[in-house]
């Protein structure tokens, strides 16, 4: 796995953790990111990764905005 792929995978893992902490379904989260449910579902299962810079920035904004709800890791 390339370094960039590992970074994107980490973002998706954080996105999923934040989504779950908020109690949001994949459908609701996908809507707020401007992608389809099936796209977000494939990302979370590791079947594909976002490639668009615009989408990656949207994920960063989502994590920054809602990440305070992410459970603390010990």
N, C-alpha and C. Protein backbone atom coordinates (compact mmCIF):
# COMPACT_ATOMS: atom_id res chain seq x y z
N UNK A 1 0.85 -1.18 0.00
CA UNK A 1 0.00 0.00 0.00
C UNK A 1 0.90 1.24 0.00
N UNK A 2 0.58 2.17 -0.84
CA UNK A 2 1.33 3.41 -0.91
C UNK A 2 1.02 4.28 0.30
N UNK A 3 1.92 5.20 0.60
CA UNK A 3 1.74 6.10 1.74
C UNK A 3 0.45 6.92 1.60
N UNK A 4 0.18 7.40 0.38
CA UNK A 4 -1.04 8.19 0.15
C UNK A 4 -2.28 7.34 0.38
N UNK A 5 -2.24 6.07 -0.04
CA UNK A 5 -3.38 5.17 0.19
C UNK A 5 -3.60 4.94 1.68
N UNK A 6 -2.53 4.78 2.43
CA UNK A 6 -2.63 4.58 3.88
C UNK A 6 -3.24 5.82 4.54
N UNK A 7 -2.85 6.99 4.06
CA UNK A 7 -3.40 8.24 4.60
C UNK A 7 -4.90 8.33 4.33
N UNK A 8 -5.30 7.99 3.12
CA UNK A 8 -6.72 8.03 2.76
C UNK A 8 -7.49 7.00 3.58
N UNK A 9 -6.93 5.82 3.73
CA UNK A 9 -7.58 4.78 4.53
C UNK A 9 -7.78 5.26 5.96
N UNK A 10 -6.79 5.94 6.51
CA UNK A 10 -6.91 6.50 7.86
C UNK A 10 -8.02 7.53 7.95
N UNK A 11 -8.15 8.37 6.91
CA UNK A 11 -9.22 9.36 6.90
C UNK A 11 -10.59 8.67 6.90
N UNK A 12 -10.71 7.61 6.12
CA UNK A 12 -11.99 6.90 6.03
C UNK A 12 -12.31 6.24 7.38
N UNK A 13 -11.29 5.71 8.04
CA UNK A 13 -11.51 5.11 9.37
C UNK A 13 -11.97 6.16 10.37
N UNK A 14 -11.37 7.35 10.33
CA UNK A 14 -11.80 8.44 11.22
C UNK A 14 -13.20 8.90 10.86
N UNK A 15 -13.48 9.00 9.56
CA UNK A 15 -14.81 9.39 9.10
C UNK A 15 -15.85 8.41 9.64
N UNK A 16 -15.57 7.13 9.53
CA UNK A 16 -16.50 6.10 10.00
C UNK A 16 -16.71 6.21 11.52
N UNK A 17 -15.61 6.42 12.26
CA UNK A 17 -15.71 6.55 13.71
C UNK A 17 -16.56 7.76 14.10
N UNK A 18 -16.33 8.88 13.41
CA UNK A 18 -17.11 10.10 13.70
C UNK A 18 -18.58 9.87 13.34
N UNK A 19 -18.83 9.26 12.18
CA UNK A 19 -20.20 8.97 11.75
C UNK A 19 -20.93 8.14 12.80
N UNK A 20 -20.27 7.10 13.28
CA UNK A 20 -20.89 6.23 14.28
C UNK A 20 -21.10 6.95 15.61
N UNK A 21 -20.12 7.79 16.01
CA UNK A 21 -20.26 8.55 17.25
C UNK A 21 -21.44 9.51 17.19
N UNK A 22 -21.71 10.02 15.99
CA UNK A 22 -22.85 10.92 15.81
C UNK A 22 -24.17 10.15 15.73
N UNK A 23 -24.09 8.83 15.56
CA UNK A 23 -25.29 8.02 15.40
C UNK A 23 -25.90 8.14 14.02
N UNK A 24 -25.08 8.54 13.05
CA UNK A 24 -25.57 8.73 11.69
C UNK A 24 -25.47 7.44 10.90
N UNK A 25 -26.44 7.20 10.05
CA UNK A 25 -26.38 6.08 9.11
C UNK A 25 -25.42 6.45 7.97
N UNK A 26 -25.03 5.45 7.21
CA UNK A 26 -24.20 5.72 6.04
C UNK A 26 -24.95 6.62 5.06
N UNK A 27 -26.26 6.43 4.96
CA UNK A 27 -27.07 7.24 4.04
C UNK A 27 -27.01 8.72 4.40
N UNK A 28 -27.16 9.03 5.69
CA UNK A 28 -27.15 10.42 6.14
C UNK A 28 -25.76 11.03 5.93
N UNK A 29 -24.74 10.29 6.31
CA UNK A 29 -23.37 10.79 6.15
C UNK A 29 -23.05 11.03 4.68
N UNK A 30 -23.42 10.07 3.83
CA UNK A 30 -23.17 10.21 2.40
C UNK A 30 -23.84 11.47 1.85
N UNK A 31 -25.07 11.72 2.28
CA UNK A 31 -25.80 12.91 1.84
C UNK A 31 -25.01 14.17 2.20
N UNK A 32 -24.51 14.24 3.42
CA UNK A 32 -23.77 15.43 3.86
C UNK A 32 -22.42 15.58 3.16
N UNK A 33 -21.88 14.47 2.67
CA UNK A 33 -20.61 14.54 1.93
C UNK A 33 -20.83 14.76 0.43
N UNK A 34 -22.07 14.60 -0.01
CA UNK A 34 -22.37 14.80 -1.43
C UNK A 34 -22.01 13.59 -2.29
N UNK A 35 -22.05 12.40 -1.66
CA UNK A 35 -21.78 11.16 -2.41
C UNK A 35 -22.96 10.21 -2.19
N UNK A 36 -22.98 9.12 -2.93
CA UNK A 36 -24.06 8.16 -2.77
C UNK A 36 -23.76 7.23 -1.60
N UNK A 37 -24.82 6.60 -1.09
CA UNK A 37 -24.67 5.61 -0.03
C UNK A 37 -23.71 4.51 -0.46
N UNK A 38 -23.88 4.01 -1.69
CA UNK A 38 -23.05 2.89 -2.14
C UNK A 38 -21.58 3.28 -2.22
N UNK A 39 -21.30 4.53 -2.57
CA UNK A 39 -19.91 5.00 -2.60
C UNK A 39 -19.31 4.99 -1.20
N UNK A 40 -20.02 5.59 -0.24
CA UNK A 40 -19.52 5.63 1.14
C UNK A 40 -19.38 4.21 1.69
N UNK A 41 -20.33 3.35 1.38
CA UNK A 41 -20.28 1.97 1.84
C UNK A 41 -19.03 1.25 1.31
N UNK A 42 -18.70 1.46 0.05
CA UNK A 42 -17.49 0.84 -0.53
C UNK A 42 -16.23 1.39 0.13
N UNK A 43 -16.21 2.69 0.45
CA UNK A 43 -15.06 3.26 1.14
C UNK A 43 -14.88 2.61 2.50
N UNK A 44 -15.99 2.53 3.25
CA UNK A 44 -15.90 2.00 4.60
C UNK A 44 -15.53 0.53 4.62
N UNK A 45 -15.87 -0.21 3.59
CA UNK A 45 -15.50 -1.63 3.51
C UNK A 45 -14.12 -1.82 2.89
N UNK A 46 -13.49 -0.72 2.45
CA UNK A 46 -12.15 -0.79 1.87
C UNK A 46 -12.12 -1.30 0.44
N UNK A 47 -13.26 -1.30 -0.21
CA UNK A 47 -13.33 -1.77 -1.60
C UNK A 47 -12.86 -0.72 -2.59
N UNK A 48 -12.95 0.53 -2.21
CA UNK A 48 -12.45 1.62 -3.04
C UNK A 48 -12.14 2.79 -2.13
N UNK A 49 -11.49 3.80 -2.67
CA UNK A 49 -11.14 4.98 -1.90
C UNK A 49 -11.44 6.23 -2.72
N UNK A 50 -11.77 7.33 -2.05
CA UNK A 50 -12.01 8.57 -2.78
C UNK A 50 -10.72 9.04 -3.44
N UNK A 51 -10.86 9.56 -4.64
CA UNK A 51 -9.69 10.05 -5.37
C UNK A 51 -9.77 11.55 -5.63
N UNK A 52 -10.96 12.09 -5.64
CA UNK A 52 -11.16 13.50 -5.92
C UNK A 52 -10.66 14.36 -4.76
N UNK A 53 -9.89 15.37 -5.09
CA UNK A 53 -9.41 16.31 -4.06
C UNK A 53 -10.57 17.01 -3.38
N UNK A 54 -11.61 17.30 -4.14
CA UNK A 54 -12.79 17.97 -3.58
C UNK A 54 -13.44 17.09 -2.51
N UNK A 55 -13.59 15.81 -2.81
CA UNK A 55 -14.20 14.88 -1.86
C UNK A 55 -13.29 14.70 -0.64
N UNK A 56 -12.00 14.59 -0.86
CA UNK A 56 -11.07 14.45 0.26
C UNK A 56 -11.12 15.68 1.17
N UNK A 57 -11.25 16.86 0.59
CA UNK A 57 -11.37 18.08 1.40
C UNK A 57 -12.69 18.08 2.16
N UNK A 58 -13.76 17.58 1.54
CA UNK A 58 -15.06 17.50 2.21
C UNK A 58 -14.96 16.55 3.41
N UNK A 59 -14.24 15.45 3.24
CA UNK A 59 -14.04 14.51 4.35
C UNK A 59 -13.25 15.19 5.47
N UNK A 60 -12.20 15.91 5.12
CA UNK A 60 -11.41 16.64 6.12
C UNK A 60 -12.28 17.64 6.89
N UNK A 61 -13.12 18.38 6.16
CA UNK A 61 -14.01 19.36 6.82
C UNK A 61 -15.01 18.65 7.74
N UNK A 62 -15.55 17.52 7.27
CA UNK A 62 -16.50 16.76 8.08
C UNK A 62 -15.85 16.31 9.38
N UNK A 63 -14.64 15.75 9.28
CA UNK A 63 -13.93 15.28 10.47
C UNK A 63 -13.61 16.45 11.40
N UNK A 64 -13.15 17.57 10.83
CA UNK A 64 -12.81 18.74 11.64
C UNK A 64 -14.04 19.31 12.34
N UNK A 65 -15.17 19.31 11.65
CA UNK A 65 -16.39 19.88 12.22
C UNK A 65 -17.02 18.97 13.25
N UNK A 66 -17.08 17.68 12.94
CA UNK A 66 -17.81 16.75 13.80
C UNK A 66 -16.89 15.85 14.62
N UNK A 67 -15.59 15.94 14.41
CA UNK A 67 -14.65 15.06 15.07
C UNK A 67 -14.60 15.19 16.57
N UNK A 68 -15.08 16.31 17.07
CA UNK A 68 -15.09 16.47 18.53
C UNK A 68 -15.99 15.44 19.18
N UNK A 69 -16.87 14.81 18.38
CA UNK A 69 -17.78 13.80 18.90
C UNK A 69 -17.16 12.41 18.89
N UNK A 70 -15.98 12.31 18.28
CA UNK A 70 -15.32 11.01 18.17
C UNK A 70 -14.87 10.57 19.55
N UNK A 71 -15.13 9.30 19.92
CA UNK A 71 -14.72 8.82 21.23
C UNK A 71 -13.21 8.89 21.38
N UNK A 72 -12.75 9.21 22.57
CA UNK A 72 -11.32 9.27 22.83
C UNK A 72 -10.75 7.87 22.86
N UNK A 73 -9.58 7.71 22.26
CA UNK A 73 -8.90 6.41 22.27
C UNK A 73 -7.91 6.39 23.41
N UNK A 74 -7.82 5.28 24.08
CA UNK A 74 -6.90 5.17 25.22
C UNK A 74 -5.63 4.51 24.82
